[in-house]
N, C-alpha and C. Protein backbone atom coordinates (compact mmCIF):
# COMPACT_ATOMS: atom_id res chain seq x y z
N UNK A 1 -55.84 -49.11 -78.97
CA UNK A 1 -56.49 -49.47 -80.21
C UNK A 1 -57.51 -48.40 -80.58
N UNK A 2 -57.47 -47.96 -81.84
CA UNK A 2 -58.41 -46.95 -82.31
C UNK A 2 -59.80 -47.54 -82.48
N UNK A 3 -60.80 -46.74 -82.16
CA UNK A 3 -62.17 -47.12 -82.47
C UNK A 3 -62.43 -46.76 -83.92
N UNK A 4 -63.20 -47.60 -84.60
CA UNK A 4 -63.50 -47.40 -86.01
C UNK A 4 -64.99 -47.12 -86.18
N UNK A 5 -65.30 -46.13 -87.03
CA UNK A 5 -66.69 -45.78 -87.30
C UNK A 5 -66.91 -45.72 -88.81
N UNK A 6 -68.16 -45.94 -89.21
CA UNK A 6 -68.59 -45.78 -90.60
C UNK A 6 -69.64 -44.68 -90.61
N UNK A 7 -69.40 -43.64 -91.40
CA UNK A 7 -70.31 -42.51 -91.48
C UNK A 7 -70.79 -42.38 -92.92
N UNK A 8 -72.08 -42.47 -93.11
CA UNK A 8 -72.62 -42.26 -94.46
C UNK A 8 -72.82 -40.76 -94.67
N UNK A 9 -72.82 -40.36 -95.92
CA UNK A 9 -73.04 -38.95 -96.24
C UNK A 9 -71.88 -38.05 -95.85
N UNK A 10 -70.66 -38.57 -95.91
CA UNK A 10 -69.49 -37.81 -95.46
C UNK A 10 -68.97 -36.80 -96.48
N UNK A 11 -69.63 -36.70 -97.62
CA UNK A 11 -69.18 -35.76 -98.63
C UNK A 11 -69.56 -34.32 -98.35
N UNK A 12 -70.58 -34.11 -97.51
CA UNK A 12 -71.03 -32.75 -97.23
C UNK A 12 -71.91 -32.72 -95.98
N UNK A 13 -72.22 -31.53 -95.54
CA UNK A 13 -73.18 -31.34 -94.45
C UNK A 13 -72.77 -31.97 -93.12
N UNK A 14 -73.78 -32.51 -92.44
CA UNK A 14 -73.55 -33.10 -91.11
C UNK A 14 -72.64 -34.32 -91.15
N UNK A 15 -72.72 -35.10 -92.23
CA UNK A 15 -71.85 -36.26 -92.36
C UNK A 15 -70.39 -35.85 -92.43
N UNK A 16 -70.10 -34.79 -93.20
CA UNK A 16 -68.74 -34.28 -93.31
C UNK A 16 -68.26 -33.73 -91.98
N UNK A 17 -69.10 -32.95 -91.33
CA UNK A 17 -68.74 -32.37 -90.04
C UNK A 17 -68.48 -33.47 -89.00
N UNK A 18 -69.31 -34.50 -89.00
CA UNK A 18 -69.12 -35.61 -88.07
C UNK A 18 -67.81 -36.34 -88.36
N UNK A 19 -67.54 -36.60 -89.65
CA UNK A 19 -66.29 -37.27 -90.02
C UNK A 19 -65.08 -36.46 -89.57
N UNK A 20 -65.09 -35.16 -89.83
CA UNK A 20 -63.97 -34.31 -89.44
C UNK A 20 -63.78 -34.28 -87.93
N UNK A 21 -64.87 -34.19 -87.21
CA UNK A 21 -64.80 -34.17 -85.74
C UNK A 21 -64.20 -35.45 -85.20
N UNK A 22 -64.65 -36.60 -85.71
CA UNK A 22 -64.16 -37.88 -85.22
C UNK A 22 -62.72 -38.14 -85.65
N UNK A 23 -62.33 -37.67 -86.83
CA UNK A 23 -60.93 -37.77 -87.25
C UNK A 23 -60.05 -37.03 -86.24
N UNK A 24 -60.46 -35.80 -85.89
CA UNK A 24 -59.69 -35.00 -84.93
C UNK A 24 -59.64 -35.66 -83.55
N UNK A 25 -60.69 -36.41 -83.20
CA UNK A 25 -60.77 -37.07 -81.90
C UNK A 25 -59.98 -38.39 -81.88
N UNK A 26 -59.42 -38.79 -83.01
CA UNK A 26 -58.57 -39.98 -83.04
C UNK A 26 -59.23 -41.25 -83.52
N UNK A 27 -60.45 -41.17 -84.01
CA UNK A 27 -61.13 -42.35 -84.54
C UNK A 27 -60.58 -42.70 -85.93
N UNK A 28 -60.64 -43.97 -86.27
CA UNK A 28 -60.40 -44.41 -87.65
C UNK A 28 -61.75 -44.30 -88.34
N UNK A 29 -61.85 -43.43 -89.33
CA UNK A 29 -63.13 -43.13 -89.96
C UNK A 29 -63.22 -43.75 -91.35
N UNK A 30 -64.26 -44.53 -91.57
CA UNK A 30 -64.65 -44.98 -92.90
C UNK A 30 -65.73 -44.01 -93.35
N UNK A 31 -65.38 -43.17 -94.31
CA UNK A 31 -66.28 -42.09 -94.73
C UNK A 31 -67.01 -42.48 -96.00
N UNK A 32 -68.30 -42.64 -95.90
CA UNK A 32 -69.11 -43.02 -97.05
C UNK A 32 -69.43 -41.82 -97.92
N UNK A 33 -69.03 -41.91 -99.19
CA UNK A 33 -69.26 -40.85 -100.17
C UNK A 33 -69.72 -41.52 -101.46
N UNK A 34 -70.69 -40.92 -102.14
CA UNK A 34 -71.11 -41.46 -103.43
C UNK A 34 -70.07 -41.13 -104.49
N UNK A 35 -69.66 -42.13 -105.24
CA UNK A 35 -68.76 -41.97 -106.38
C UNK A 35 -67.48 -41.21 -106.02
N UNK A 36 -66.70 -41.70 -105.03
CA UNK A 36 -65.53 -40.96 -104.57
C UNK A 36 -64.37 -40.91 -105.57
N UNK A 37 -64.42 -41.74 -106.60
CA UNK A 37 -63.35 -41.72 -107.60
C UNK A 37 -63.82 -41.12 -108.91
N UNK A 38 -65.02 -40.56 -108.90
CA UNK A 38 -65.61 -39.92 -110.07
C UNK A 38 -66.00 -38.50 -109.74
N UNK A 39 -67.30 -38.26 -109.77
CA UNK A 39 -67.80 -36.89 -109.58
C UNK A 39 -67.52 -36.31 -108.20
N UNK A 40 -67.27 -37.16 -107.20
CA UNK A 40 -66.98 -36.66 -105.84
C UNK A 40 -65.51 -36.79 -105.48
N UNK A 41 -64.64 -36.89 -106.48
CA UNK A 41 -63.22 -37.07 -106.19
C UNK A 41 -62.63 -35.87 -105.43
N UNK A 42 -63.09 -34.66 -105.71
CA UNK A 42 -62.59 -33.49 -104.99
C UNK A 42 -62.96 -33.56 -103.51
N UNK A 43 -64.15 -34.07 -103.21
CA UNK A 43 -64.57 -34.23 -101.81
C UNK A 43 -63.71 -35.28 -101.11
N UNK A 44 -63.44 -36.39 -101.83
CA UNK A 44 -62.58 -37.44 -101.26
C UNK A 44 -61.19 -36.88 -100.96
N UNK A 45 -60.62 -36.18 -101.93
CA UNK A 45 -59.28 -35.63 -101.77
C UNK A 45 -59.22 -34.63 -100.62
N UNK A 46 -60.25 -33.81 -100.47
CA UNK A 46 -60.29 -32.83 -99.38
C UNK A 46 -60.37 -33.51 -98.02
N UNK A 47 -61.15 -34.56 -97.92
CA UNK A 47 -61.27 -35.28 -96.65
C UNK A 47 -59.97 -36.01 -96.31
N UNK A 48 -59.33 -36.59 -97.31
CA UNK A 48 -58.03 -37.25 -97.08
C UNK A 48 -56.97 -36.23 -96.66
N UNK A 49 -56.97 -35.06 -97.28
CA UNK A 49 -56.03 -34.00 -96.91
C UNK A 49 -56.28 -33.53 -95.48
N UNK A 50 -57.55 -33.39 -95.11
CA UNK A 50 -57.91 -32.99 -93.75
C UNK A 50 -57.34 -33.99 -92.74
N UNK A 51 -57.52 -35.27 -93.02
CA UNK A 51 -57.03 -36.31 -92.10
C UNK A 51 -55.50 -36.24 -91.98
N UNK A 52 -54.81 -36.05 -93.10
CA UNK A 52 -53.35 -35.94 -93.06
C UNK A 52 -52.91 -34.77 -92.20
N UNK A 53 -53.56 -33.62 -92.38
CA UNK A 53 -53.22 -32.42 -91.62
C UNK A 53 -53.44 -32.61 -90.12
N UNK A 54 -54.44 -33.40 -89.77
CA UNK A 54 -54.76 -33.65 -88.35
C UNK A 54 -54.01 -34.84 -87.78
N UNK A 55 -53.28 -35.56 -88.64
CA UNK A 55 -52.63 -36.78 -88.18
C UNK A 55 -53.63 -37.89 -87.92
N UNK A 56 -54.78 -37.83 -88.60
CA UNK A 56 -55.83 -38.81 -88.38
C UNK A 56 -55.89 -39.88 -89.46
N UNK A 57 -56.90 -40.72 -89.34
CA UNK A 57 -57.07 -41.84 -90.26
C UNK A 57 -58.45 -41.77 -90.91
N UNK A 58 -58.47 -41.82 -92.25
CA UNK A 58 -59.74 -41.87 -92.97
C UNK A 58 -59.58 -42.80 -94.16
N UNK A 59 -60.63 -43.57 -94.40
CA UNK A 59 -60.73 -44.39 -95.60
C UNK A 59 -62.05 -43.99 -96.24
N UNK A 60 -61.98 -43.40 -97.43
CA UNK A 60 -63.20 -42.99 -98.12
C UNK A 60 -63.72 -44.18 -98.91
N UNK A 61 -64.97 -44.54 -98.65
CA UNK A 61 -65.57 -45.71 -99.30
C UNK A 61 -66.79 -45.28 -100.10
N UNK A 62 -67.06 -46.00 -101.18
CA UNK A 62 -68.19 -45.71 -102.06
C UNK A 62 -69.44 -46.34 -101.46
N UNK A 63 -70.35 -45.51 -101.03
CA UNK A 63 -71.63 -46.00 -100.51
C UNK A 63 -72.75 -45.53 -101.42
N UNK A 64 -72.63 -45.85 -102.69
CA UNK A 64 -73.65 -45.48 -103.66
C UNK A 64 -75.01 -46.03 -103.26
N UNK A 65 -76.01 -45.24 -103.45
CA UNK A 65 -77.37 -45.60 -103.05
C UNK A 65 -77.82 -46.88 -103.77
N UNK A 66 -78.29 -47.83 -103.00
CA UNK A 66 -78.87 -49.04 -103.57
C UNK A 66 -77.89 -50.12 -103.97
N UNK A 67 -76.62 -49.93 -103.70
CA UNK A 67 -75.64 -50.95 -104.09
C UNK A 67 -75.13 -51.67 -102.85
N UNK A 68 -75.68 -52.81 -102.58
CA UNK A 68 -75.34 -53.56 -101.36
C UNK A 68 -73.87 -53.95 -101.32
N UNK A 69 -73.24 -54.16 -102.47
CA UNK A 69 -71.83 -54.52 -102.48
C UNK A 69 -70.98 -53.40 -101.89
N UNK A 70 -71.37 -52.16 -102.06
CA UNK A 70 -70.62 -51.05 -101.48
C UNK A 70 -70.68 -51.11 -99.96
N UNK A 71 -71.81 -51.47 -99.42
CA UNK A 71 -71.96 -51.55 -97.97
C UNK A 71 -71.16 -52.71 -97.39
N UNK A 72 -71.17 -53.84 -98.05
CA UNK A 72 -70.46 -55.00 -97.50
C UNK A 72 -68.96 -54.86 -97.61
N UNK A 73 -68.44 -54.12 -98.61
CA UNK A 73 -67.00 -53.93 -98.71
C UNK A 73 -66.50 -52.87 -97.75
N UNK A 74 -67.39 -51.97 -97.28
CA UNK A 74 -66.98 -50.96 -96.32
C UNK A 74 -66.74 -51.61 -94.98
């Protein structure tokens, strides 16, 4: 059974690096990105492509600042 993690800030920087590392290590990653279907859609698509290339699992979730519904649906 895969371990599942939720990483906030997965669109760039340390959050992105952590998500990529854990995807490669076989974790199921829920990657928190602000507005993944809008202004950050390129970041979402790149992370999904990375997971496909590695044979990993990623679900990009909207963790917009201050929206509790985003956190509970993740």
